[in-house]
Amino acid sequence: FRQAPGKEREFVGAIRWNDGYTYYADSMKGRFTISRDTAKNTVDQQMN
């Protein structure tokens, strides 16, 4: 999620842990990519 000054917190994207299926807000599709590493318990967000 993200929150800009004076604005409410908004959804950016998410990833389902069991299969890696991703969800994105429309404004982020094609620019942001979420991935996970189950071995390291980490999730990354590449923002282009």
ModelCIF file with pLDDT and N, C-alpha, C, O atoms, coordinates in Angstrom:
data_MODEL
#
_entry.id   MODEL 
#
_entity.id                         1 
_entity.type                       polymer 
_entity.pdbx_number_of_molecules   1 
#
_entity_poly.entity_id                      1 
_entity_poly.type                           'polypeptide(L)' 
_entity_poly.nstd_linkage                   no 
_entity_poly.nstd_monomer                   no 
_entity_poly.pdbx_seq_one_letter_code       FRQAPGKEREFVGAIRWNDGYTYYADSMKGRFTISRDTAKNTVDQQMN 
_entity_poly.pdbx_seq_one_letter_code_can   FRQAPGKEREFVGAIRWNDGYTYYADSMKGRFTISRDTAKNTVDQQMN 
_entity_poly.pdbx_strand_id                 A 
#
loop_
_entity_poly_seq.entity_id 
_entity_poly_seq.num 
_entity_poly_seq.mon_id 
_entity_poly_seq.hetero 
1 1  PHE n 
1 2  ARG n 
1 3  GLN n 
1 4  ALA n 
1 5  PRO n 
1 6  GLY n 
1 7  LYS n 
1 8  GLU n 
1 9  ARG n 
1 10 GLU n 
1 11 PHE n 
1 12 VAL n 
1 13 GLY n 
1 14 ALA n 
1 15 ILE n 
1 16 ARG n 
1 17 TRP n 
1 18 ASN n 
1 19 ASP n 
1 20 GLY n 
1 21 TYR n 
1 22 THR n 
1 23 TYR n 
1 24 TYR n 
1 25 ALA n 
1 26 ASP n 
1 27 SER n 
1 28 MET n 
1 29 LYS n 
1 30 GLY n 
1 31 ARG n 
1 32 PHE n 
1 33 THR n 
1 34 ILE n 
1 35 SER n 
1 36 ARG n 
1 37 ASP n 
1 38 THR n 
1 39 ALA n 
1 40 LYS n 
1 41 ASN n 
1 42 THR n 
1 43 VAL n 
1 44 ASP n 
1 45 GLN n 
1 46 GLN n 
1 47 MET n 
1 48 ASN n 
#
_struct_asym.id          A 
_struct_asym.entity_id   1 
#
loop_
_ma_qa_metric.id 
_ma_qa_metric.mode 
_ma_qa_metric.name 
_ma_qa_metric.software_group_id 
_ma_qa_metric.type 
1 global pLDDT . pLDDT 
2 local  pLDDT . pLDDT 
#
_ma_qa_metric_global.metric_id      1 
_ma_qa_metric_global.metric_value   95.33 
_ma_qa_metric_global.model_id       1 
_ma_qa_metric_global.ordinal_id     1 
#
loop_
_ma_qa_metric_local.label_asym_id 
_ma_qa_metric_local.label_comp_id 
_ma_qa_metric_local.label_seq_id 
_ma_qa_metric_local.metric_id 
_ma_qa_metric_local.metric_value 
_ma_qa_metric_local.model_id 
_ma_qa_metric_local.ordinal_id 
A PHE 1  2 98.00 1 1  
A ARG 2  2 98.00 1 2  
A GLN 3  2 98.00 1 3  
A ALA 4  2 97.00 1 4  
A PRO 5  2 92.00 1 5  
A GLY 6  2 94.00 1 6  
A LYS 7  2 96.00 1 7  
A GLU 8  2 96.00 1 8  
A ARG 9  2 96.00 1 9  
A GLU 10 2 96.00 1 10 
A PHE 11 2 97.00 1 11 
A VAL 12 2 97.00 1 12 
A GLY 13 2 97.00 1 13 
A ALA 14 2 97.00 1 14 
A ILE 15 2 97.00 1 15 
A ARG 16 2 96.00 1 16 
A TRP 17 2 95.00 1 17 
A ASN 18 2 95.00 1 18 
A ASP 19 2 96.00 1 19 
A GLY 20 2 97.00 1 20 
A TYR 21 2 97.00 1 21 
A THR 22 2 97.00 1 22 
A TYR 23 2 96.00 1 23 
A TYR 24 2 96.00 1 24 
A ALA 25 2 95.00 1 25 
A ASP 26 2 92.00 1 26 
A SER 27 2 85.00 1 27 
A MET 28 2 87.00 1 28 
A LYS 29 2 84.00 1 29 
A GLY 30 2 91.00 1 30 
A ARG 31 2 95.00 1 31 
A PHE 32 2 96.00 1 32 
A THR 33 2 97.00 1 33 
A ILE 34 2 98.00 1 34 
A SER 35 2 97.00 1 35 
A ARG 36 2 97.00 1 36 
A ASP 37 2 95.00 1 37 
A THR 38 2 94.00 1 38 
A ALA 39 2 93.00 1 39 
A LYS 40 2 94.00 1 40 
A ASN 41 2 94.00 1 41 
A THR 42 2 96.00 1 42 
A VAL 43 2 97.00 1 43 
A ASP 44 2 98.00 1 44 
A GLN 45 2 98.00 1 45 
A GLN 46 2 98.00 1 46 
A MET 47 2 97.00 1 47 
A ASN 48 2 97.00 1 48 
#
loop_
_atom_site.group_PDB 
_atom_site.id 
_atom_site.type_symbol 
_atom_site.label_atom_id 
_atom_site.label_alt_id 
_atom_site.label_comp_id 
_atom_site.label_asym_id 
_atom_site.label_entity_id 
_atom_site.label_seq_id 
_atom_site.pdbx_PDB_ins_code 
_atom_site.Cartn_x 
_atom_site.Cartn_y 
_atom_site.Cartn_z 
_atom_site.occupancy 
_atom_site.B_iso_or_equiv 
_atom_site.pdbx_formal_charge 
_atom_site.auth_seq_id 
_atom_site.auth_comp_id 
_atom_site.auth_asym_id 
_atom_site.auth_atom_id 
_atom_site.pdbx_PDB_model_num 
ATOM 1   N N  . PHE A 1 1  ? 0.844  -1.179  0.000   1.00 98.00 ? 1  PHE A N  1 
ATOM 2   C CA . PHE A 1 1  ? 0.000  0.000   0.000   1.00 98.00 ? 1  PHE A CA 1 
ATOM 3   C C  . PHE A 1 1  ? 0.886  1.236   0.000   1.00 98.00 ? 1  PHE A C  1 
ATOM 4   O O  . PHE A 1 1  ? 2.080  1.156   0.289   1.00 98.00 ? 1  PHE A O  1 
ATOM 5   N N  . ARG A 1 2  ? 0.300  2.366   -0.322  1.00 98.00 ? 2  ARG A N  1 
ATOM 6   C CA . ARG A 1 2  ? 1.050  3.606   -0.259  1.00 98.00 ? 2  ARG A CA 1 
ATOM 7   C C  . ARG A 1 2  ? 0.159  4.730   0.246   1.00 98.00 ? 2  ARG A C  1 
ATOM 8   O O  . ARG A 1 2  ? -1.065 4.683   0.124   1.00 98.00 ? 2  ARG A O  1 
ATOM 9   N N  . GLN A 1 3  ? 0.803  5.735   0.813   1.00 98.00 ? 3  GLN A N  1 
ATOM 10  C CA . GLN A 1 3  ? 0.066  6.867   1.352   1.00 98.00 ? 3  GLN A CA 1 
ATOM 11  C C  . GLN A 1 3  ? 0.847  8.146   1.111   1.00 98.00 ? 3  GLN A C  1 
ATOM 12  O O  . GLN A 1 3  ? 1.972  8.304   1.587   1.00 98.00 ? 3  GLN A O  1 
ATOM 13  N N  . ALA A 1 4  ? 0.240  9.049   0.372   1.00 97.00 ? 4  ALA A N  1 
ATOM 14  C CA . ALA A 1 4  ? 0.815  10.355  0.121   1.00 97.00 ? 4  ALA A CA 1 
ATOM 15  C C  . ALA A 1 4  ? 0.294  11.341  1.158   1.00 97.00 ? 4  ALA A C  1 
ATOM 16  O O  . ALA A 1 4  ? -0.760 11.108  1.750   1.00 97.00 ? 4  ALA A O  1 
ATOM 17  N N  . PRO A 1 5  ? 1.010  12.438  1.390   1.00 92.00 ? 5  PRO A N  1 
ATOM 18  C CA . PRO A 1 5  ? 0.560  13.430  2.372   1.00 92.00 ? 5  PRO A CA 1 
ATOM 19  C C  . PRO A 1 5  ? -0.841 13.938  2.075   1.00 92.00 ? 5  PRO A C  1 
ATOM 20  O O  . PRO A 1 5  ? -1.146 14.330  0.949   1.00 92.00 ? 5  PRO A O  1 
ATOM 21  N N  . GLY A 1 6  ? -1.685 13.927  3.091   1.00 94.00 ? 6  GLY A N  1 
ATOM 22  C CA . GLY A 1 6  ? -3.043 14.412  2.939   1.00 94.00 ? 6  GLY A CA 1 
ATOM 23  C C  . GLY A 1 6  ? -3.996 13.457  2.250   1.00 94.00 ? 6  GLY A C  1 
ATOM 24  O O  . GLY A 1 6  ? -5.154 13.806  2.021   1.00 94.00 ? 6  GLY A O  1 
ATOM 25  N N  . LYS A 1 7  ? -3.542 12.265  1.917   1.00 96.00 ? 7  LYS A N  1 
ATOM 26  C CA . LYS A 1 7  ? -4.380 11.303  1.236   1.00 96.00 ? 7  LYS A CA 1 
ATOM 27  C C  . LYS A 1 7  ? -4.496 10.018  2.045   1.00 96.00 ? 7  LYS A C  1 
ATOM 28  O O  . LYS A 1 7  ? -3.686 9.744   2.930   1.00 96.00 ? 7  LYS A O  1 
ATOM 29  N N  . GLU A 1 8  ? -5.512 9.245   1.724   1.00 96.00 ? 8  GLU A N  1 
ATOM 30  C CA . GLU A 1 8  ? -5.717 7.981   2.394   1.00 96.00 ? 8  GLU A CA 1 
ATOM 31  C C  . GLU A 1 8  ? -4.775 6.919   1.839   1.00 96.00 ? 8  GLU A C  1 
ATOM 32  O O  . GLU A 1 8  ? -4.286 7.021   0.714   1.00 96.00 ? 8  GLU A O  1 
ATOM 33  N N  . ARG A 1 9  ? -4.538 5.914   2.646   1.00 96.00 ? 9  ARG A N  1 
ATOM 34  C CA . ARG A 1 9  ? -3.708 4.813   2.213   1.00 96.00 ? 9  ARG A CA 1 
ATOM 35  C C  . ARG A 1 9  ? -4.423 4.038   1.099   1.00 96.00 ? 9  ARG A C  1 
ATOM 36  O O  . ARG A 1 9  ? -5.603 3.712   1.225   1.00 96.00 ? 9  ARG A O  1 
ATOM 37  N N  . GLU A 1 10 ? -3.706 3.750   0.018   1.00 96.00 ? 10 GLU A N  1 
ATOM 38  C CA . GLU A 1 10 ? -4.314 3.089   -1.116  1.00 96.00 ? 10 GLU A CA 1 
ATOM 39  C C  . GLU A 1 10 ? -3.570 1.821   -1.502  1.00 96.00 ? 10 GLU A C  1 
ATOM 40  O O  . GLU A 1 10 ? -2.372 1.682   -1.254  1.00 96.00 ? 10 GLU A O  1 
ATOM 41  N N  . PHE A 1 11 ? -4.291 0.915   -2.104  1.00 97.00 ? 11 PHE A N  1 
ATOM 42  C CA . PHE A 1 11 ? -3.750 -0.359  -2.526  1.00 97.00 ? 11 PHE A CA 1 
ATOM 43  C C  . PHE A 1 11 ? -2.843 -0.200  -3.736  1.00 97.00 ? 11 PHE A C  1 
ATOM 44  O O  . PHE A 1 11 ? -3.173 0.531   -4.670  1.00 97.00 ? 11 PHE A O  1 
ATOM 45  N N  . VAL A 1 12 ? -1.712 -0.876  -3.726  1.00 97.00 ? 12 VAL A N  1 
ATOM 46  C CA . VAL A 1 12 ? -0.778 -0.882  -4.844  1.00 97.00 ? 12 VAL A CA 1 
ATOM 47  C C  . VAL A 1 12 ? -0.792 -2.235  -5.549  1.00 97.00 ? 12 VAL A C  1 
ATOM 48  O O  . VAL A 1 12 ? -1.013 -2.310  -6.758  1.00 97.00 ? 12 VAL A O  1 
ATOM 49  N N  . GLY A 1 13 ? -0.558 -3.282  -4.805  1.00 97.00 ? 13 GLY A N  1 
ATOM 50  C CA . GLY A 1 13 ? -0.539 -4.621  -5.357  1.00 97.00 ? 13 GLY A CA 1 
ATOM 51  C C  . GLY A 1 13 ? -0.390 -5.649  -4.256  1.00 97.00 ? 13 GLY A C  1 
ATOM 52  O O  . GLY A 1 13 ? -0.109 -5.312  -3.106  1.00 97.00 ? 13 GLY A O  1 
ATOM 53  N N  . ALA A 1 14 ? -0.580 -6.905  -4.619  1.00 97.00 ? 14 ALA A N  1 
ATOM 54  C CA . ALA A 1 14 ? -0.480 -7.982  -3.641  1.00 97.00 ? 14 ALA A CA 1 
ATOM 55  C C  . ALA A 1 14 ? -0.113 -9.275  -4.345  1.00 97.00 ? 14 ALA A C  1 
ATOM 56  O O  . ALA A 1 14 ? -0.218 -9.387  -5.567  1.00 97.00 ? 14 ALA A O  1 
ATOM 57  N N  . ILE A 1 15 ? 0.314  -10.240 -3.563  1.00 97.00 ? 15 ILE A N  1 
ATOM 58  C CA . ILE A 1 15 ? 0.678  -11.539 -4.101  1.00 97.00 ? 15 ILE A CA 1 
ATOM 59  C C  . ILE A 1 15 ? 0.151  -12.629 -3.189  1.00 97.00 ? 15 ILE A C  1 
ATOM 60  O O  . ILE A 1 15 ? 0.338  -12.580 -1.973  1.00 97.00 ? 15 ILE A O  1 
ATOM 61  N N  . ARG A 1 16 ? -0.504 -13.605 -3.777  1.00 96.00 ? 16 ARG A N  1 
ATOM 62  C CA . ARG A 1 16 ? -0.996 -14.746 -3.030  1.00 96.00 ? 16 ARG A CA 1 
ATOM 63  C C  . ARG A 1 16 ? 0.162  -15.702 -2.781  1.00 96.00 ? 16 ARG A C  1 
ATOM 64  O O  . ARG A 1 16 ? 0.898  -16.046 -3.706  1.00 96.00 ? 16 ARG A O  1 
ATOM 65  N N  . TRP A 1 17 ? 0.323  -16.127 -1.544  1.00 95.00 ? 17 TRP A N  1 
ATOM 66  C CA . TRP A 1 17 ? 1.545  -16.821 -1.177  1.00 95.00 ? 17 TRP A CA 1 
ATOM 67  C C  . TRP A 1 17 ? 1.661  -18.235 -1.715  1.00 95.00 ? 17 TRP A C  1 
ATOM 68  O O  . TRP A 1 17 ? 2.759  -18.683 -2.044  1.00 95.00 ? 17 TRP A O  1 
ATOM 69  N N  . ASN A 1 18 ? 0.561  -18.935 -1.807  1.00 95.00 ? 18 ASN A N  1 
ATOM 70  C CA . ASN A 1 18 ? 0.661  -20.340 -2.183  1.00 95.00 ? 18 ASN A CA 1 
ATOM 71  C C  . ASN A 1 18 ? 1.051  -20.565 -3.641  1.00 95.00 ? 18 ASN A C  1 
ATOM 72  O O  . ASN A 1 18 ? 1.752  -21.527 -3.953  1.00 95.00 ? 18 ASN A O  1 
ATOM 73  N N  . ASP A 1 19 ? 0.604  -19.686 -4.534  1.00 96.00 ? 19 ASP A N  1 
ATOM 74  C CA . ASP A 1 19 ? 0.891  -19.889 -5.948  1.00 96.00 ? 19 ASP A CA 1 
ATOM 75  C C  . ASP A 1 19 ? 1.519  -18.688 -6.641  1.00 96.00 ? 19 ASP A C  1 
ATOM 76  O O  . ASP A 1 19 ? 1.861  -18.767 -7.821  1.00 96.00 ? 19 ASP A O  1 
ATOM 77  N N  . GLY A 1 20 ? 1.676  -17.581 -5.928  1.00 97.00 ? 20 GLY A N  1 
ATOM 78  C CA . GLY A 1 20 ? 2.316  -16.417 -6.498  1.00 97.00 ? 20 GLY A CA 1 
ATOM 79  C C  . GLY A 1 20 ? 1.438  -15.567 -7.398  1.00 97.00 ? 20 GLY A C  1 
ATOM 80  O O  . GLY A 1 20 ? 1.945  -14.680 -8.085  1.00 97.00 ? 20 GLY A O  1 
ATOM 81  N N  . TYR A 1 21 ? 0.144  -15.814 -7.415  1.00 97.00 ? 21 TYR A N  1 
ATOM 82  C CA . TYR A 1 21 ? -0.757 -15.003 -8.221  1.00 97.00 ? 21 TYR A CA 1 
ATOM 83  C C  . TYR A 1 21 ? -0.753 -13.571 -7.715  1.00 97.00 ? 21 TYR A C  1 
ATOM 84  O O  . TYR A 1 21 ? -0.804 -13.333 -6.509  1.00 97.00 ? 21 TYR A O  1 
ATOM 85  N N  . THR A 1 22 ? -0.693 -12.619 -8.637  1.00 97.00 ? 22 THR A N  1 
ATOM 86  C CA . THR A 1 22 ? -0.567 -11.217 -8.260  1.00 97.00 ? 22 THR A CA 1 
ATOM 87  C C  . THR A 1 22 ? -1.797 -10.410 -8.611  1.00 97.00 ? 22 THR A C  1 
ATOM 88  O O  . THR A 1 22 ? -2.555 -10.753 -9.518  1.00 97.00 ? 22 THR A O  1 
ATOM 89  N N  . TYR A 1 23 ? -1.977 -9.336  -7.877  1.00 96.00 ? 23 TYR A N  1 
ATOM 90  C CA . TYR A 1 23 ? -3.065 -8.396  -8.063  1.00 96.00 ? 23 TYR A CA 1 
ATOM 91  C C  . TYR A 1 23 ? -2.471 -6.989  -8.057  1.00 96.00 ? 23 TYR A C  1 
ATOM 92  O O  . TYR A 1 23 ? -1.573 -6.689  -7.270  1.00 96.00 ? 23 TYR A O  1 
ATOM 93  N N  . TYR A 1 24 ? -2.980 -6.133  -8.939  1.00 96.00 ? 24 TYR A N  1 
ATOM 94  C CA . TYR A 1 24 ? -2.458 -4.779  -9.037  1.00 96.00 ? 24 TYR A CA 1 
ATOM 95  C C  . TYR A 1 24 ? -3.578 -3.771  -9.196  1.00 96.00 ? 24 TYR A C  1 
ATOM 96  O O  . TYR A 1 24 ? -4.608 -4.053  -9.808  1.00 96.00 ? 24 TYR A O  1 
ATOM 97  N N  . ALA A 1 25 ? -3.362 -2.600  -8.639  1.00 95.00 ? 25 ALA A N  1 
ATOM 98  C CA . ALA A 1 25 ? -4.227 -1.485  -8.954  1.00 95.00 ? 25 ALA A CA 1 
ATOM 99  C C  . ALA A 1 25 ? -4.010 -1.098  -10.415 1.00 95.00 ? 25 ALA A C  1 
ATOM 100 O O  . ALA A 1 25 ? -2.915 -1.276  -10.949 1.00 95.00 ? 25 ALA A O  1 
ATOM 101 N N  . ASP A 1 26 ? -5.038 -0.577  -11.054 1.00 92.00 ? 26 ASP A N  1 
ATOM 102 C CA . ASP A 1 26 ? -4.972 -0.289  -12.486 1.00 92.00 ? 26 ASP A CA 1 
ATOM 103 C C  . ASP A 1 26 ? -3.815 0.634   -12.848 1.00 92.00 ? 26 ASP A C  1 
ATOM 104 O O  . ASP A 1 26 ? -3.171 0.442   -13.880 1.00 92.00 ? 26 ASP A O  1 
ATOM 105 N N  . SER A 1 27 ? -3.548 1.620   -12.022 1.00 85.00 ? 27 SER A N  1 
ATOM 106 C CA . SER A 1 27 ? -2.503 2.588   -12.331 1.00 85.00 ? 27 SER A CA 1 
ATOM 107 C C  . SER A 1 27 ? -1.097 2.001   -12.248 1.00 85.00 ? 27 SER A C  1 
ATOM 108 O O  . SER A 1 27 ? -0.147 2.611   -12.738 1.00 85.00 ? 27 SER A O  1 
ATOM 109 N N  . MET A 1 28 ? -0.952 0.844   -11.644 1.00 87.00 ? 28 MET A N  1 
ATOM 110 C CA . MET A 1 28 ? 0.346  0.212   -11.495 1.00 87.00 ? 28 MET A CA 1 
ATOM 111 C C  . MET A 1 28 ? 0.603  -0.900  -12.509 1.00 87.00 ? 28 MET A C  1 
ATOM 112 O O  . MET A 1 28 ? 1.746  -1.316  -12.697 1.00 87.00 ? 28 MET A O  1 
ATOM 113 N N  . LYS A 1 29 ? -0.434 -1.376  -13.150 1.00 84.00 ? 29 LYS A N  1 
ATOM 114 C CA . LYS A 1 29 ? -0.289 -2.476  -14.092 1.00 84.00 ? 29 LYS A CA 1 
ATOM 115 C C  . LYS A 1 29 ? 0.653  -2.096  -15.228 1.00 84.00 ? 29 LYS A C  1 
ATOM 116 O O  . LYS A 1 29 ? 0.520  -1.036  -15.840 1.00 84.00 ? 29 LYS A O  1 
ATOM 117 N N  . GLY A 1 30 ? 1.605  -2.981  -15.494 1.00 91.00 ? 30 GLY A N  1 
ATOM 118 C CA . GLY A 1 30 ? 2.578  -2.732  -16.536 1.00 91.00 ? 30 GLY A CA 1 
ATOM 119 C C  . GLY A 1 30 ? 3.805  -1.989  -16.065 1.00 91.00 ? 30 GLY A C  1 
ATOM 120 O O  . GLY A 1 30 ? 4.808  -1.952  -16.778 1.00 91.00 ? 30 GLY A O  1 
ATOM 121 N N  . ARG A 1 31 ? 3.759  -1.395  -14.886 1.00 95.00 ? 31 ARG A N  1 
ATOM 122 C CA . ARG A 1 31 ? 4.892  -0.656  -14.332 1.00 95.00 ? 31 ARG A CA 1 
ATOM 123 C C  . ARG A 1 31 ? 5.469  -1.318  -13.087 1.00 95.00 ? 31 ARG A C  1 
ATOM 124 O O  . ARG A 1 31 ? 6.684  -1.328  -12.885 1.00 95.00 ? 31 ARG A O  1 
ATOM 125 N N  . PHE A 1 32 ? 4.599  -1.865  -12.261 1.00 96.00 ? 32 PHE A N  1 
ATOM 126 C CA . PHE A 1 32 ? 5.030  -2.481  -11.013 1.00 96.00 ? 32 PHE A CA 1 
ATOM 127 C C  . PHE A 1 32 ? 4.914  -3.993  -11.113 1.00 96.00 ? 32 PHE A C  1 
ATOM 128 O O  . PHE A 1 32 ? 3.979  -4.516  -11.720 1.00 96.00 ? 32 PHE A O  1 
ATOM 129 N N  . THR A 1 33 ? 5.864  -4.685  -10.517 1.00 97.00 ? 33 THR A N  1 
ATOM 130 C CA . THR A 1 33 ? 5.852  -6.138  -10.496 1.00 97.00 ? 33 THR A CA 1 
ATOM 131 C C  . THR A 1 33 ? 6.176  -6.631  -9.096  1.00 97.00 ? 33 THR A C  1 
ATOM 132 O O  . THR A 1 33 ? 7.197  -6.260  -8.517  1.00 97.00 ? 33 THR A O  1 
ATOM 133 N N  . ILE A 1 34 ? 5.309  -7.459  -8.562  1.00 98.00 ? 34 ILE A N  1 
ATOM 134 C CA . ILE A 1 34 ? 5.498  -8.022  -7.227  1.00 98.00 ? 34 ILE A CA 1 
ATOM 135 C C  . ILE A 1 34 ? 5.946  -9.470  -7.351  1.00 98.00 ? 34 ILE A C  1 
ATOM 136 O O  . ILE A 1 34 ? 5.415  -10.231 -8.159  1.00 98.00 ? 34 ILE A O  1 
ATOM 137 N N  . SER A 1 35 ? 6.914  -9.831  -6.553  1.00 97.00 ? 35 SER A N  1 
ATOM 138 C CA . SER A 1 35 ? 7.410  -11.199 -6.534  1.00 97.00 ? 35 SER A CA 1 
ATOM 139 C C  . SER A 1 35 ? 7.691  -11.612 -5.100  1.00 97.00 ? 35 SER A C  1 
ATOM 140 O O  . SER A 1 35 ? 7.783  -10.769 -4.208  1.00 97.00 ? 35 SER A O  1 
ATOM 141 N N  . ARG A 1 36 ? 7.825  -12.908 -4.885  1.00 97.00 ? 36 ARG A N  1 
ATOM 142 C CA . ARG A 1 36 ? 8.086  -13.409 -3.545  1.00 97.00 ? 36 ARG A CA 1 
ATOM 143 C C  . ARG A 1 36 ? 9.196  -14.437 -3.571  1.00 97.00 ? 36 ARG A C  1 
ATOM 144 O O  . ARG A 1 36 ? 9.446  -15.079 -4.592  1.00 97.00 ? 36 ARG A O  1 
ATOM 145 N N  . ASP A 1 37 ? 9.853  -14.584 -2.447  1.00 95.00 ? 37 ASP A N  1 
ATOM 146 C CA . ASP A 1 37 ? 10.838 -15.619 -2.243  1.00 95.00 ? 37 ASP A CA 1 
ATOM 147 C C  . ASP A 1 37 ? 10.412 -16.372 -0.994  1.00 95.00 ? 37 ASP A C  1 
ATOM 148 O O  . ASP A 1 37 ? 10.639 -15.909 0.124   1.00 95.00 ? 37 ASP A O  1 
ATOM 149 N N  . THR A 1 38 ? 9.804  -17.516 -1.178  1.00 94.00 ? 38 THR A N  1 
ATOM 150 C CA . THR A 1 38 ? 9.266  -18.265 -0.047  1.00 94.00 ? 38 THR A CA 1 
ATOM 151 C C  . THR A 1 38 ? 10.357 -18.788 0.876   1.00 94.00 ? 38 THR A C  1 
ATOM 152 O O  . THR A 1 38 ? 10.121 -18.981 2.068   1.00 94.00 ? 38 THR A O  1 
ATOM 153 N N  . ALA A 1 39 ? 11.543 -19.019 0.338   1.00 93.00 ? 39 ALA A N  1 
ATOM 154 C CA . ALA A 1 39 ? 12.644 -19.509 1.153   1.00 93.00 ? 39 ALA A CA 1 
ATOM 155 C C  . ALA A 1 39 ? 13.166 -18.443 2.101   1.00 93.00 ? 39 ALA A C  1 
ATOM 156 O O  . ALA A 1 39 ? 13.647 -18.759 3.189   1.00 93.00 ? 39 ALA A O  1 
ATOM 157 N N  . LYS A 1 40 ? 13.073 -17.187 1.697   1.00 94.00 ? 40 LYS A N  1 
ATOM 158 C CA . LYS A 1 40 ? 13.589 -16.086 2.504   1.00 94.00 ? 40 LYS A CA 1 
ATOM 159 C C  . LYS A 1 40 ? 12.498 -15.288 3.204   1.00 94.00 ? 40 LYS A C  1 
ATOM 160 O O  . LYS A 1 40 ? 12.793 -14.350 3.945   1.00 94.00 ? 40 LYS A O  1 
ATOM 161 N N  . ASN A 1 41 ? 11.243 -15.653 2.975   1.00 94.00 ? 41 ASN A N  1 
ATOM 162 C CA . ASN A 1 41 ? 10.117 -14.919 3.556   1.00 94.00 ? 41 ASN A CA 1 
ATOM 163 C C  . ASN A 1 41 ? 10.158 -13.438 3.181   1.00 94.00 ? 41 ASN A C  1 
ATOM 164 O O  . ASN A 1 41 ? 9.989  -12.562 4.029   1.00 94.00 ? 41 ASN A O  1 
ATOM 165 N N  . THR A 1 42 ? 10.383 -13.182 1.912   1.00 96.00 ? 42 THR A N  1 
ATOM 166 C CA . THR A 1 42 ? 10.447 -11.809 1.443   1.00 96.00 ? 42 THR A CA 1 
ATOM 167 C C  . THR A 1 42 ? 9.537  -11.601 0.247   1.00 96.00 ? 42 THR A C  1 
ATOM 168 O O  . THR A 1 42 ? 9.240  -12.531 -0.503  1.00 96.00 ? 42 THR A O  1 
ATOM 169 N N  . VAL A 1 43 ? 9.106  -10.376 0.089   1.00 97.00 ? 43 VAL A N  1 
ATOM 170 C CA . VAL A 1 43 ? 8.341  -9.974  -1.073  1.00 97.00 ? 43 VAL A CA 1 
ATOM 171 C C  . VAL A 1 43 ? 8.951  -8.692  -1.611  1.00 97.00 ? 43 VAL A C  1 
ATOM 172 O O  . VAL A 1 43 ? 9.251  -7.772  -0.850  1.00 97.00 ? 43 VAL A O  1 
ATOM 173 N N  . ASP A 1 44 ? 9.133  -8.632  -2.920  1.00 98.00 ? 44 ASP A N  1 
ATOM 174 C CA . ASP A 1 44 ? 9.731  -7.476  -3.560  1.00 98.00 ? 44 ASP A CA 1 
ATOM 175 C C  . ASP A 1 44 ? 8.728  -6.789  -4.462  1.00 98.00 ? 44 ASP A C  1 
ATOM 176 O O  . ASP A 1 44 ? 7.777  -7.404  -4.943  1.00 98.00 ? 44 ASP A O  1 
ATOM 177 N N  . GLN A 1 45 ? 8.950  -5.525  -4.679  1.00 98.00 ? 45 GLN A N  1 
ATOM 178 C CA . GLN A 1 45 ? 8.147  -4.756  -5.611  1.00 98.00 ? 45 GLN A CA 1 
ATOM 179 C C  . GLN A 1 45 ? 9.075  -3.967  -6.509  1.00 98.00 ? 45 GLN A C  1 
ATOM 180 O O  . GLN A 1 45 ? 9.697  -2.998  -6.074  1.00 98.00 ? 45 GLN A O  1 
ATOM 181 N N  . GLN A 1 46 ? 9.169  -4.381  -7.763  1.00 98.00 ? 46 GLN A N  1 
ATOM 182 C CA . GLN A 1 46 ? 9.941  -3.663  -8.760  1.00 98.00 ? 46 GLN A CA 1 
ATOM 183 C C  . GLN A 1 46 ? 9.067  -2.579  -9.363  1.00 98.00 ? 46 GLN A C  1 
ATOM 184 O O  . GLN A 1 46 ? 7.994  -2.865  -9.894  1.00 98.00 ? 46 GLN A O  1 
ATOM 185 N N  . MET A 1 47 ? 9.518  -1.347  -9.283  1.00 97.00 ? 47 MET A N  1 
ATOM 186 C CA . MET A 1 47 ? 8.750  -0.208  -9.762  1.00 97.00 ? 47 MET A CA 1 
ATOM 187 C C  . MET A 1 47 ? 9.516  0.466   -10.892 1.00 97.00 ? 47 MET A C  1 
ATOM 188 O O  . MET A 1 47 ? 10.617 0.979   -10.693 1.00 97.00 ? 47 MET A O  1 
ATOM 189 N N  . ASN A 1 48 ? 8.922  0.457   -12.069 1.00 97.00 ? 48 ASN A N  1 
ATOM 190 C CA . ASN A 1 48 ? 9.525  1.060   -13.248 1.00 97.00 ? 48 ASN A CA 1 
ATOM 191 C C  . ASN A 1 48 ? 8.675  2.227   -13.745 1.00 97.00 ? 48 ASN A C  1 
ATOM 192 O O  . ASN A 1 48 ? 9.024  2.866   -14.737 1.00 97.00 ? 48 ASN A O  1 
#
